[in-house]
Amino acid sequence: MLKNDKYILIGREVVEEPSLTDWGRWMQEADRRVAKTKLEDDTVISTVFLGLDHSFGEGPPLLFETMVFLSDSDGGEDYMRRYETYEQAEAGHEKAVKIYVDKISEDESS
């Protein structure tokens, strides 16, 4: 079990980074995006590696996040989910895409 609150990715593997300096440098330089999808109505679905544990001590580290930004919103997000692993983040991104593609289809058929 990971015990640190700062992490980096090596490939798709989450690695603890005890050095704040090294972690900060990595966060500035790394491509932390797991996936980004822009739908036909300009809704954006983004999944990223956070680099910090967002479980706040409740369960395993949550290090990835998917957020949905609706095209007709005031800039806020409409949907947010967090995950432990890269693989869960990828699957969560695809799930969010499906939810919102289906929602667009429903709205168009109404």
PDB file of N, CA and C in Angstrom:
ATOM      1  N   MET A   1       0.853  -1.191   0.000  1.00  0.00           N
ATOM      2  CA  MET A   1       0.000   0.000   0.000  1.00  0.00           C
ATOM      3  C   MET A   1       0.888   1.241   0.000  1.00  0.00           C
ATOM      4  N   LEU A   2       0.570   2.182  -0.853  1.00  0.00           N
ATOM      5  CA  LEU A   2       1.320   3.430  -0.914  1.00  0.00           C
ATOM      6  C   LEU A   2       0.976   4.281   0.306  1.00  0.00           C
ATOM      7  N   LYS A   3       1.985   4.936   0.893  1.00  0.00           N
ATOM      8  CA  LYS A   3       1.767   5.693   2.125  1.00  0.00           C
ATOM      9  C   LYS A   3       2.004   7.192   1.952  1.00  0.00           C
ATOM     10  N   ASN A   4       2.615   7.569   0.882  1.00  0.00           N
ATOM     11  CA  ASN A   4       2.984   8.945   0.620  1.00  0.00           C
ATOM     12  C   ASN A   4       1.771   9.715   0.104  1.00  0.00           C
ATOM     13  N   ASP A   5       1.882  11.043   0.035  1.00  0.00           N
ATOM     14  CA  ASP A   5       0.790  11.793  -0.582  1.00  0.00           C
ATOM     15  C   ASP A   5       1.199  12.384  -1.921  1.00  0.00           C
ATOM     16  N   LYS A   6       2.474  12.250  -2.324  1.00  0.00           N
ATOM     17  CA  LYS A   6       2.965  12.778  -3.597  1.00  0.00           C
ATOM     18  C   LYS A   6       3.414  11.625  -4.484  1.00  0.00           C
ATOM     19  N   TYR A   7       2.958  11.651  -5.744  1.00  0.00           N
ATOM     20  CA  TYR A   7       3.227  10.560  -6.665  1.00  0.00           C
ATOM     21  C   TYR A   7       3.554  11.105  -8.051  1.00  0.00           C
ATOM     22  N   ILE A   8       4.290  10.290  -8.804  1.00  0.00           N
ATOM     23  CA  ILE A   8       4.555  10.567 -10.210  1.00  0.00           C
ATOM     24  C   ILE A   8       4.187   9.311 -11.000  1.00  0.00           C
ATOM     25  N   LEU A   9       4.192   9.455 -12.306  1.00  0.00           N
ATOM     26  CA  LEU A   9       3.975   8.312 -13.182  1.00  0.00           C
ATOM     27  C   LEU A   9       5.267   7.978 -13.898  1.00  0.00           C
ATOM     28  N   ILE A  10       5.575   6.711 -13.952  1.00  0.00           N
ATOM     29  CA  ILE A  10       6.637   6.219 -14.819  1.00  0.00           C
ATOM     30  C   ILE A  10       5.924   5.291 -15.786  1.00  0.00           C
ATOM     31  N   GLY A  11       5.755   5.776 -17.002  1.00  0.00           N
ATOM     32  CA  GLY A  11       4.869   5.086 -17.939  1.00  0.00           C
ATOM     33  C   GLY A  11       3.454   5.198 -17.404  1.00  0.00           C
ATOM     34  N   ARG A  12       2.853   4.070 -17.127  1.00  0.00           N
ATOM     35  CA  ARG A  12       1.497   4.036 -16.562  1.00  0.00           C
ATOM     36  C   ARG A  12       1.516   3.616 -15.099  1.00  0.00           C
ATOM     37  N   GLU A  13       2.701   3.468 -14.537  1.00  0.00           N
ATOM     38  CA  GLU A  13       2.860   2.999 -13.152  1.00  0.00           C
ATOM     39  C   GLU A  13       2.976   4.182 -12.190  1.00  0.00           C
ATOM     40  N   VAL A  14       2.192   4.147 -11.119  1.00  0.00           N
ATOM     41  CA  VAL A  14       2.238   5.166 -10.068  1.00  0.00           C
ATOM     42  C   VAL A  14       3.421   4.861  -9.149  1.00  0.00           C
ATOM     43  N   VAL A  15       4.236   5.888  -8.891  1.00  0.00           N
ATOM     44  CA  VAL A  15       5.423   5.737  -8.050  1.00  0.00           C
ATOM     45  C   VAL A  15       5.416   6.837  -6.998  1.00  0.00           C
ATOM     46  N   GLU A  16       5.692   6.476  -5.745  1.00  0.00           N
ATOM     47  CA  GLU A  16       5.814   7.471  -4.688  1.00  0.00           C
ATOM     48  C   GLU A  16       6.992   8.392  -4.988  1.00  0.00           C
ATOM     49  N   GLU A  17       6.837   9.676  -4.690  1.00  0.00           N
ATOM     50  CA  GLU A  17       7.950  10.626  -4.841  1.00  0.00           C
ATOM     51  C   GLU A  17       8.086  11.404  -3.532  1.00  0.00           C
ATOM     52  N   PRO A  18       9.017  11.000  -2.671  1.00  0.00           N
ATOM     53  CA  PRO A  18       9.159  11.652  -1.371  1.00  0.00           C
ATOM     54  C   PRO A  18       9.749  13.065  -1.447  1.00  0.00           C
ATOM     55  N   SER A  19      10.492  13.374  -2.494  1.00  0.00           N
ATOM     56  CA  SER A  19      11.124  14.690  -2.609  1.00  0.00           C
ATOM     57  C   SER A  19      10.138  15.705  -3.184  1.00  0.00           C
ATOM     58  N   LEU A  20       9.826  16.720  -2.407  1.00  0.00           N
ATOM     59  CA  LEU A  20       8.919  17.768  -2.875  1.00  0.00           C
ATOM     60  C   LEU A  20       9.496  18.472  -4.098  1.00  0.00           C
ATOM     61  N   THR A  21      10.798  18.714  -4.116  1.00  0.00           N
ATOM     62  CA  THR A  21      11.445  19.381  -5.246  1.00  0.00           C
ATOM     63  C   THR A  21      11.321  18.541  -6.509  1.00  0.00           C
ATOM     64  N   ASP A  22      11.649  17.256  -6.416  1.00  0.00           N
ATOM     65  CA  ASP A  22      11.562  16.377  -7.587  1.00  0.00           C
ATOM     66  C   ASP A  22      10.120  16.218  -8.051  1.00  0.00           C
ATOM     67  N   TRP A  23       9.196  16.104  -7.098  1.00  0.00           N
ATOM     68  CA  TRP A  23       7.781  15.993  -7.436  1.00  0.00           C
ATOM     69  C   TRP A  23       7.302  17.256  -8.153  1.00  0.00           C
ATOM     70  N   GLY A  24       7.661  18.410  -7.635  1.00  0.00           N
ATOM     71  CA  GLY A  24       7.251  19.668  -8.244  1.00  0.00           C
ATOM     72  C   GLY A  24       7.798  19.818  -9.657  1.00  0.00           C
ATOM     73  N   ARG A  25       9.032  19.445  -9.848  1.00  0.00           N
ATOM     74  CA  ARG A  25       9.648  19.514 -11.180  1.00  0.00           C
ATOM     75  C   ARG A  25       8.915  18.574 -12.144  1.00  0.00           C
ATOM     76  N   TRP A  26       8.654  17.353 -11.669  1.00  0.00           N
ATOM     77  CA  TRP A  26       7.954  16.391 -12.510  1.00  0.00           C
ATOM     78  C   TRP A  26       6.564  16.909 -12.884  1.00  0.00           C
ATOM     79  N   MET A  27       5.843  17.473 -11.916  1.00  0.00           N
ATOM     80  CA  MET A  27       4.493  17.984 -12.170  1.00  0.00           C
ATOM     81  C   MET A  27       4.506  19.102 -13.217  1.00  0.00           C
ATOM     82  N   GLN A  28       5.534  19.927 -13.217  1.00  0.00           N
ATOM     83  CA  GLN A  28       5.628  21.019 -14.197  1.00  0.00           C
ATOM     84  C   GLN A  28       5.926  20.509 -15.604  1.00  0.00           C
ATOM     85  N   GLU A  29       6.702  19.446 -15.688  1.00  0.00           N
ATOM     86  CA  GLU A  29       7.202  18.999 -16.991  1.00  0.00           C
ATOM     87  C   GLU A  29       6.425  17.841 -17.601  1.00  0.00           C
ATOM     88  N   ALA A  30       5.728  17.075 -16.813  1.00  0.00           N
ATOM     89  CA  ALA A  30       5.096  15.840 -17.289  1.00  0.00           C
ATOM     90  C   ALA A  30       3.799  16.104 -18.043  1.00  0.00           C
ATOM     91  N   ASP A  31       3.500  15.212 -18.955  1.00  0.00           N
ATOM     92  CA  ASP A  31       2.181  15.181 -19.580  1.00  0.00           C
ATOM     93  C   ASP A  31       1.316  14.284 -18.704  1.00  0.00           C
ATOM     94  N   ARG A  32       0.423  14.882 -17.935  1.00  0.00           N
ATOM     95  CA  ARG A  32      -0.373  14.139 -16.961  1.00  0.00           C
ATOM     96  C   ARG A  32      -1.731  13.715 -17.514  1.00  0.00           C
ATOM     97  N   ARG A  33      -1.989  14.040 -18.761  1.00  0.00           N
ATOM     98  CA  ARG A  33      -3.286  13.707 -19.352  1.00  0.00           C
ATOM     99  C   ARG A  33      -3.373  12.221 -19.667  1.00  0.00           C
ATOM    100  N   VAL A  34      -4.441  11.616 -19.211  1.00  0.00           N
ATOM    101  CA  VAL A  34      -4.739  10.227 -19.550  1.00  0.00           C
ATOM    102  C   VAL A  34      -5.558  10.209 -20.836  1.00  0.00           C
ATOM    103  N   ALA A  35      -6.575  11.078 -20.911  1.00  0.00           N
ATOM    104  CA  ALA A  35      -7.427  11.158 -22.101  1.00  0.00           C
ATOM    105  C   ALA A  35      -8.190  12.477 -22.091  1.00  0.00           C
ATOM    106  N   LYS A  36      -8.530  12.942 -23.288  1.00  0.00           N
ATOM    107  CA  LYS A  36      -9.373  14.131 -23.443  1.00  0.00           C
ATOM    108  C   LYS A  36     -10.244  13.911 -24.668  1.00  0.00           C
ATOM    109  N   THR A  37     -11.546  14.129 -24.495  1.00  0.00           N
ATOM    110  CA  THR A  37     -12.495  13.931 -25.577  1.00  0.00           C
ATOM    111  C   THR A  37     -13.385  15.159 -25.675  1.00  0.00           C
ATOM    112  N   LYS A  38     -13.505  15.676 -26.898  1.00  0.00           N
ATOM    113  CA  LYS A  38     -14.427  16.786 -27.147  1.00  0.00           C
ATOM    114  C   LYS A  38     -15.584  16.240 -27.968  1.00  0.00           C
ATOM    115  N   LEU A  39     -16.794  16.378 -27.438  1.00  0.00           N
ATOM    116  CA  LEU A  39     -17.980  15.853 -28.101  1.00  0.00           C
ATOM    117  C   LEU A  39     -18.522  16.850 -29.113  1.00  0.00           C
ATOM    118  N   GLU A  40     -19.452  16.393 -29.933  1.00  0.00           N
ATOM    119  CA  GLU A  40     -19.976  17.222 -31.019  1.00  0.00           C
ATOM    120  C   GLU A  40     -20.657  18.505 -30.532  1.00  0.00           C
ATOM    121  N   ASP A  41     -21.145  18.515 -29.291  1.00  0.00           N
ATOM    122  CA  ASP A  41     -21.776  19.729 -28.751  1.00  0.00           C
ATOM    123  C   ASP A  41     -20.781  20.594 -27.968  1.00  0.00           C
ATOM    124  N   ASP A  42     -19.481  20.306 -28.111  1.00  0.00           N
ATOM    125  CA  ASP A  42     -18.378  21.011 -27.453  1.00  0.00           C
ATOM    126  C   ASP A  42     -18.215  20.699 -25.970  1.00  0.00           C
ATOM    127  N   THR A  43     -18.948  19.723 -25.450  1.00  0.00           N
ATOM    128  CA  THR A  43     -18.683  19.223 -24.106  1.00  0.00           C
ATOM    129  C   THR A  43     -17.289  18.604 -24.113  1.00  0.00           C
ATOM    130  N   VAL A  44     -16.495  18.859 -23.055  1.00  0.00           N
ATOM    131  CA  VAL A  44     -15.148  18.308 -22.960  1.00  0.00           C
ATOM    132  C   VAL A  44     -15.078  17.357 -21.766  1.00  0.00           C
ATOM    133  N   ILE A  45     -14.522  16.172 -22.017  1.00  0.00           N
ATOM    134  CA  ILE A  45     -14.303  15.176 -20.972  1.00  0.00           C
ATOM    135  C   ILE A  45     -12.801  15.012 -20.844  1.00  0.00           C
ATOM    136  N   SER A  46     -12.280  15.252 -19.651  1.00  0.00           N
ATOM    137  CA  SER A  46     -10.837  15.246 -19.419  1.00  0.00           C
ATOM    138  C   SER A  46     -10.505  14.335 -18.243  1.00  0.00           C
ATOM    139  N   THR A  47      -9.497  13.490 -18.448  1.00  0.00           N
ATOM    140  CA  THR A  47      -9.017  12.603 -17.385  1.00  0.00           C
ATOM    141  C   THR A  47      -7.528  12.832 -17.215  1.00  0.00           C
ATOM    142  N   VAL A  48      -7.118  13.120 -15.974  1.00  0.00           N
ATOM    143  CA  VAL A  48      -5.724  13.460 -15.697  1.00  0.00           C
ATOM    144  C   VAL A  48      -5.206  12.732 -14.462  1.00  0.00           C
ATOM    145  N   PHE A  49      -3.880  12.650 -14.384  1.00  0.00           N
ATOM    146  CA  PHE A  49      -3.187  12.179 -13.188  1.00  0.00           C
ATOM    147  C   PHE A  49      -3.017  13.389 -12.280  1.00  0.00           C
ATOM    148  N   LEU A  50      -3.453  13.288 -11.030  1.00  0.00           N
ATOM    149  CA  LEU A  50      -3.431  14.418 -10.106  1.00  0.00           C
ATOM    150  C   LEU A  50      -2.084  14.620  -9.421  1.00  0.00           C
ATOM    151  N   GLY A  51      -1.360  13.541  -9.154  1.00  0.00           N
ATOM    152  CA  GLY A  51      -0.065  13.639  -8.483  1.00  0.00           C
ATOM    153  C   GLY A  51      -0.143  13.728  -6.974  1.00  0.00           C
ATOM    154  N   LEU A  52      -1.316  13.967  -6.438  1.00  0.00           N
ATOM    155  CA  LEU A  52      -1.555  14.004  -4.995  1.00  0.00           C
ATOM    156  C   LEU A  52      -2.708  13.075  -4.671  1.00  0.00           C
ATOM    157  N   ASP A  53      -2.652  12.473  -3.502  1.00  0.00           N
ATOM    158  CA  ASP A  53      -3.711  11.583  -3.055  1.00  0.00           C
ATOM    159  C   ASP A  53      -4.937  12.400  -2.662  1.00  0.00           C
ATOM    160  N   HIS A  54      -6.042  12.174  -3.358  1.00  0.00           N
ATOM    161  CA  HIS A  54      -7.292  12.869  -3.069  1.00  0.00           C
ATOM    162  C   HIS A  54      -8.296  11.992  -2.319  1.00  0.00           C
ATOM    163  N   SER A  55      -7.793  10.948  -1.643  1.00  0.00           N
ATOM    164  CA  SER A  55      -8.686  10.129  -0.813  1.00  0.00           C
ATOM    165  C   SER A  55      -8.831  10.737   0.576  1.00  0.00           C
ATOM    166  N   PHE A  56      -7.915  11.634   0.917  1.00  0.00           N
ATOM    167  CA  PHE A  56      -7.939  12.325   2.205  1.00  0.00           C
ATOM    168  C   PHE A  56      -7.992  11.333   3.372  1.00  0.00           C
ATOM    169  N   GLY A  57      -7.199  10.253   3.231  1.00  0.00           N
ATOM    170  CA  GLY A  57      -7.087   9.272   4.304  1.00  0.00           C
ATOM    171  C   GLY A  57      -8.219   8.274   4.387  1.00  0.00           C
ATOM    172  N   GLU A  58      -9.154   8.356   3.476  1.00  0.00           N
ATOM    173  CA  GLU A  58     -10.307   7.444   3.462  1.00  0.00           C
ATOM    174  C   GLU A  58     -10.119   6.427   2.343  1.00  0.00           C
ATOM    175  N   GLY A  59      -9.449   5.329   2.629  1.00  0.00           N
ATOM    176  CA  GLY A  59      -9.261   4.288   1.627  1.00  0.00           C
ATOM    177  C   GLY A  59      -7.977   4.466   0.842  1.00  0.00           C
ATOM    178  N   PRO A  60      -7.875   3.733  -0.271  1.00  0.00           N
ATOM    179  CA  PRO A  60      -6.652   3.773  -1.073  1.00  0.00           C
ATOM    180  C   PRO A  60      -6.477   5.134  -1.755  1.00  0.00           C
ATOM    181  N   PRO A  61      -5.250   5.456  -2.150  1.00  0.00           N
ATOM    182  CA  PRO A  61      -4.995   6.738  -2.815  1.00  0.00           C
ATOM    183  C   PRO A  61      -5.821   6.901  -4.091  1.00  0.00           C
ATOM    184  N   LEU A  62      -6.438   8.050  -4.237  1.00  0.00           N
ATOM    185  CA  LEU A  62      -7.163   8.410  -5.460  1.00  0.00           C
ATOM    186  C   LEU A  62      -6.295   9.425  -6.189  1.00  0.00           C
ATOM    187  N   LEU A  63      -5.748   9.012  -7.322  1.00  0.00           N
ATOM    188  CA  LEU A  63      -4.688   9.777  -7.979  1.00  0.00           C
ATOM    189  C   LEU A  63      -5.034  10.246  -9.384  1.00  0.00           C
ATOM    190  N   PHE A  64      -6.186   9.823  -9.892  1.00  0.00           N
ATOM    191  CA  PHE A  64      -6.621  10.201 -11.236  1.00  0.00           C
ATOM    192  C   PHE A  64      -8.022  10.777 -11.138  1.00  0.00           C
ATOM    193  N   GLU A  65      -8.365  11.653 -12.091  1.00  0.00           N
ATOM    194  CA  GLU A  65      -9.670  12.307 -12.033  1.00  0.00           C
ATOM    195  C   GLU A  65     -10.220  12.531 -13.430  1.00  0.00           C
ATOM    196  N   THR A  66     -11.506  12.221 -13.587  1.00  0.00           N
ATOM    197  CA  THR A  66     -12.244  12.552 -14.812  1.00  0.00           C
ATOM    198  C   THR A  66     -13.220  13.662 -14.471  1.00  0.00           C
ATOM    199  N   MET A  67     -13.237  14.687 -15.324  1.00  0.00           N
ATOM    200  CA  MET A  67     -14.197  15.780 -15.175  1.00  0.00           C
ATOM    201  C   MET A  67     -14.853  16.041 -16.522  1.00  0.00           C
ATOM    202  N   VAL A  68     -16.127  16.445 -16.473  1.00  0.00           N
ATOM    203  CA  VAL A  68     -16.880  16.788 -17.668  1.00  0.00           C
ATOM    204  C   VAL A  68     -17.244  18.258 -17.580  1.00  0.00           C
ATOM    205  N   PHE A  69     -16.901  18.988 -18.647  1.00  0.00           N
ATOM    206  CA  PHE A  69     -17.194  20.410 -18.745  1.00  0.00           C
ATOM    207  C   PHE A  69     -18.213  20.594 -19.864  1.00  0.00           C
ATOM    208  N   LEU A  70     -19.428  20.938 -19.495  1.00  0.00           N
ATOM    209  CA  LEU A  70     -20.492  21.090 -20.484  1.00  0.00           C
ATOM    210  C   LEU A  70     -20.303  22.351 -21.302  1.00  0.00           C
ATOM    211  N   SER A  71     -20.658  22.266 -22.570  1.00  0.00           N
ATOM    212  CA  SER A  71     -20.502  23.410 -23.461  1.00  0.00           C
ATOM    213  C   SER A  71     -21.423  24.561 -23.075  1.00  0.00           C
ATOM    214  N   ASP A  72     -22.555  24.251 -22.467  1.00  0.00           N
ATOM    215  CA  ASP A  72     -23.523  25.299 -22.127  1.00  0.00           C
ATOM    216  C   ASP A  72     -23.471  25.704 -20.656  1.00  0.00           C
ATOM    217  N   SER A  73     -22.374  25.369 -19.973  1.00  0.00           N
ATOM    218  CA  SER A  73     -22.274  25.726 -18.553  1.00  0.00           C
ATOM    219  C   SER A  73     -21.487  27.025 -18.399  1.00  0.00           C
ATOM    220  N   ASP A  74     -21.383  27.487 -17.181  1.00  0.00           N
ATOM    221  CA  ASP A  74     -20.653  28.718 -16.885  1.00  0.00           C
ATOM    222  C   ASP A  74     -19.170  28.446 -16.629  1.00  0.00           C
ATOM    223  N   GLY A  75     -18.663  27.336 -17.113  1.00  0.00           N
ATOM    224  CA  GLY A  75     -17.254  27.001 -16.925  1.00  0.00           C
ATOM    225  C   GLY A  75     -17.016  25.983 -15.824  1.00  0.00           C
ATOM    226  N   GLY A  76     -18.046  25.653 -15.077  1.00  0.00           N
ATOM    227  CA  GLY A  76     -17.903  24.662 -14.026  1.00  0.00           C
ATOM    228  C   GLY A  76     -18.041  23.255 -14.572  1.00  0.00           C
ATOM    229  N   GLU A  77     -17.701  22.296 -13.745  1.00  0.00           N
ATOM    230  CA  GLU A  77     -17.814  20.916 -14.197  1.00  0.00           C
ATOM    231  C   GLU A  77     -19.190  20.371 -13.865  1.00  0.00           C
ATOM    232  N   ASP A  78     -19.579  19.345 -14.609  1.00  0.00           N
ATOM    233  CA  ASP A  78     -20.879  18.722 -14.425  1.00  0.00           C
ATOM    234  C   ASP A  78     -20.756  17.342 -13.786  1.00  0.00           C
ATOM    235  N   TYR A  79     -19.557  16.756 -13.859  1.00  0.00           N
ATOM    236  CA  TYR A  79     -19.363  15.360 -13.473  1.00  0.00           C
ATOM    237  C   TYR A  79     -17.915  15.217 -13.046  1.00  0.00           C
ATOM    238  N   MET A  80     -17.678  14.464 -11.969  1.00  0.00           N
ATOM    239  CA  MET A  80     -16.297  14.240 -11.534  1.00  0.00           C
ATOM    240  C   MET A  80     -16.229  12.883 -10.857  1.00  0.00           C
ATOM    241  N   ARG A  81     -15.203  12.100 -11.245  1.00  0.00           N
ATOM    242  CA  ARG A  81     -14.936  10.816 -10.618  1.00  0.00           C
ATOM    243  C   ARG A  81     -13.430  10.678 -10.428  1.00  0.00           C
ATOM    244  N   ARG A  82     -13.020   9.980  -9.363  1.00  0.00           N
ATOM    245  CA  ARG A  82     -11.597   9.760  -9.085  1.00  0.00           C
ATOM    246  C   ARG A  82     -11.301   8.270  -9.026  1.00  0.00           C
ATOM    247  N   TYR A  83     -10.028   7.935  -9.323  1.00  0.00           N
ATOM    248  CA  TYR A  83      -9.625   6.539  -9.456  1.00  0.00           C
ATOM    249  C   TYR A  83      -8.254   6.301  -8.846  1.00  0.00           C
ATOM    250  N   GLU A  84      -7.983   5.023  -8.561  1.00  0.00           N
ATOM    251  CA  GLU A  84      -6.693   4.606  -7.999  1.00  0.00           C
ATOM    252  C   GLU A  84      -5.627   4.401  -9.072  1.00  0.00           C
ATOM    253  N   THR A  85      -6.003   3.785 -10.189  1.00  0.00           N
ATOM    254  CA  THR A  85      -5.014   3.340 -11.169  1.00  0.00           C
ATOM    255  C   THR A  85      -5.236   3.965 -12.535  1.00  0.00           C
ATOM    256  N   TYR A  86      -4.210   3.880 -13.363  1.00  0.00           N
ATOM    257  CA  TYR A  86      -4.270   4.372 -14.734  1.00  0.00           C
ATOM    258  C   TYR A  86      -5.373   3.625 -15.498  1.00  0.00           C
ATOM    259  N   GLU A  87      -5.420   2.318 -15.314  1.00  0.00           N
ATOM    260  CA  GLU A  87      -6.402   1.498 -16.016  1.00  0.00           C
ATOM    261  C   GLU A  87      -7.828   1.879 -15.608  1.00  0.00           C
ATOM    262  N   GLN A  88      -8.048   2.112 -14.317  1.00  0.00           N
ATOM    263  CA  GLN A  88      -9.369   2.557 -13.864  1.00  0.00           C
ATOM    264  C   GLN A  88      -9.707   3.919 -14.453  1.00  0.00           C
ATOM    265  N   ALA A  89      -8.719   4.797 -14.542  1.00  0.00           N
ATOM    266  CA  ALA A  89      -8.939   6.131 -15.108  1.00  0.00           C
ATOM    267  C   ALA A  89      -9.330   6.038 -16.579  1.00  0.00           C
ATOM    268  N   GLU A  90      -8.661   5.181 -17.328  1.00  0.00           N
ATOM    269  CA  GLU A  90      -9.025   4.993 -18.742  1.00  0.00           C
ATOM    270  C   GLU A  90     -10.455   4.478 -18.875  1.00  0.00           C
ATOM    271  N   ALA A  91     -10.792   3.479 -18.079  1.00  0.00           N
ATOM    272  CA  ALA A  91     -12.143   2.913 -18.122  1.00  0.00           C
ATOM    273  C   ALA A  91     -13.177   3.951 -17.684  1.00  0.00           C
ATOM    274  N   GLY A  92     -12.842   4.729 -16.660  1.00  0.00           N
ATOM    275  CA  GLY A  92     -13.744   5.777 -16.188  1.00  0.00           C
ATOM    276  C   GLY A  92     -13.960   6.856 -17.226  1.00  0.00           C
ATOM    277  N   HIS A  93     -12.908   7.187 -17.959  1.00  0.00           N
ATOM    278  CA  HIS A  93     -13.026   8.182 -19.041  1.00  0.00           C
ATOM    279  C   HIS A  93     -13.996   7.671 -20.101  1.00  0.00           C
ATOM    280  N   GLU A  94     -13.816   6.438 -20.528  1.00  0.00           N
ATOM    281  CA  GLU A  94     -14.696   5.862 -21.546  1.00  0.00           C
ATOM    282  C   GLU A  94     -16.142   5.798 -21.071  1.00  0.00           C
ATOM    283  N   LYS A  95     -16.334   5.498 -19.783  1.00  0.00           N
ATOM    284  CA  LYS A  95     -17.686   5.467 -19.225  1.00  0.00           C
ATOM    285  C   LYS A  95     -18.320   6.856 -19.288  1.00  0.00           C
ATOM    286  N   ALA A  96     -17.554   7.892 -18.918  1.00  0.00           N
ATOM    287  CA  ALA A  96     -18.071   9.259 -18.965  1.00  0.00           C
ATOM    288  C   ALA A  96     -18.404   9.664 -20.401  1.00  0.00           C
ATOM    289  N   VAL A  97     -17.546   9.298 -21.343  1.00  0.00           N
ATOM    290  CA  VAL A  97     -17.819   9.608 -22.755  1.00  0.00           C
ATOM    291  C   VAL A  97     -19.138   8.962 -23.164  1.00  0.00           C
ATOM    292  N   LYS A  98     -19.322   7.699 -22.825  1.00  0.00           N
ATOM    293  CA  LYS A  98     -20.557   7.002 -23.198  1.00  0.00           C
ATOM    294  C   LYS A  98     -21.779   7.673 -22.568  1.00  0.00           C
ATOM    295  N   ILE A  99     -21.685   8.033 -21.303  1.00  0.00           N
ATOM    296  CA  ILE A  99     -22.810   8.698 -20.628  1.00  0.00           C
ATOM    297  C   ILE A  99     -23.210   9.961 -21.375  1.00  0.00           C
ATOM    298  N   TYR A 100     -22.225  10.769 -21.751  1.00  0.00           N
ATOM    299  CA  TYR A 100     -22.542  12.058 -22.366  1.00  0.00           C
ATOM    300  C   TYR A 100     -22.867  11.948 -23.844  1.00  0.00           C
ATOM    301  N   VAL A 101     -22.316  10.970 -24.551  1.00  0.00           N
ATOM    302  CA  VAL A 101     -22.732  10.729 -25.938  1.00  0.00           C
ATOM    303  C   VAL A 101     -24.187  10.277 -25.943  1.00  0.00           C
ATOM    304  N   ASP A 102     -24.534   9.372 -25.031  1.00  0.00           N
ATOM    305  CA  ASP A 102     -25.922   8.916 -24.927  1.00  0.00           C
ATOM    306  C   ASP A 102     -26.852  10.069 -24.560  1.00  0.00           C
ATOM    307  N   LYS A 103     -26.393  10.934 -23.680  1.00  0.00           N
ATOM    308  CA  LYS A 103     -27.203  12.087 -23.266  1.00  0.00           C
ATOM    309  C   LYS A 103     -27.450  13.031 -24.441  1.00  0.00           C
ATOM    310  N   ILE A 104     -26.434  13.266 -25.253  1.00  0.00           N
ATOM    311  CA  ILE A 104     -26.581  14.119 -26.442  1.00  0.00           C
ATOM    312  C   ILE A 104     -27.572  13.489 -27.407  1.00  0.00           C
ATOM    313  N   SER A 105     -27.460  12.177 -27.616  1.00  0.00           N
ATOM    314  CA  SER A 105     -28.370  11.463 -28.504  1.00  0.00           C
ATOM    315  C   SER A 105     -29.813  11.571 -28.015  1.00  0.00           C
ATOM    316  N   GLU A 106     -30.005  11.418 -26.695  1.00  0.00           N
ATOM    317  CA  GLU A 106     -31.336  11.558 -26.104  1.00  0.00           C
ATOM    318  C   GLU A 106     -31.900  12.952 -26.336  1.00  0.00           C
ATOM    319  N   ASP A 107     -31.065  13.974 -26.094  1.00  0.00           N
ATOM    320  CA  ASP A 107     -31.506  15.350 -26.263  1.00  0.00           C
ATOM    321  C   ASP A 107     -31.868  15.647 -27.719  1.00  0.00           C
ATOM    322  N   GLU A 108     -31.119  15.076 -28.644  1.00  0.00           N
ATOM    323  CA  GLU A 108     -31.386  15.304 -30.073  1.00  0.00           C
ATOM    324  C   GLU A 108     -32.667  14.620 -30.510  1.00  0.00           C
ATOM    325  N   SER A 109     -33.008  13.488 -29.896  1.00  0.00           N
ATOM    326  CA  SER A 109     -34.205  12.759 -30.297  1.00  0.00           C
ATOM    327  C   SER A 109     -35.468  13.262 -29.597  1.00  0.00           C
ATOM    328  N   SER A 110     -35.300  14.139 -28.626  1.00  0.00           N
ATOM    329  CA  SER A 110     -36.480  14.674 -27.898  1.00  0.00           C
ATOM    330  C   SER A 110     -37.152  15.758 -28.663  1.00  0.00           C
TER     331      SER A 110
END
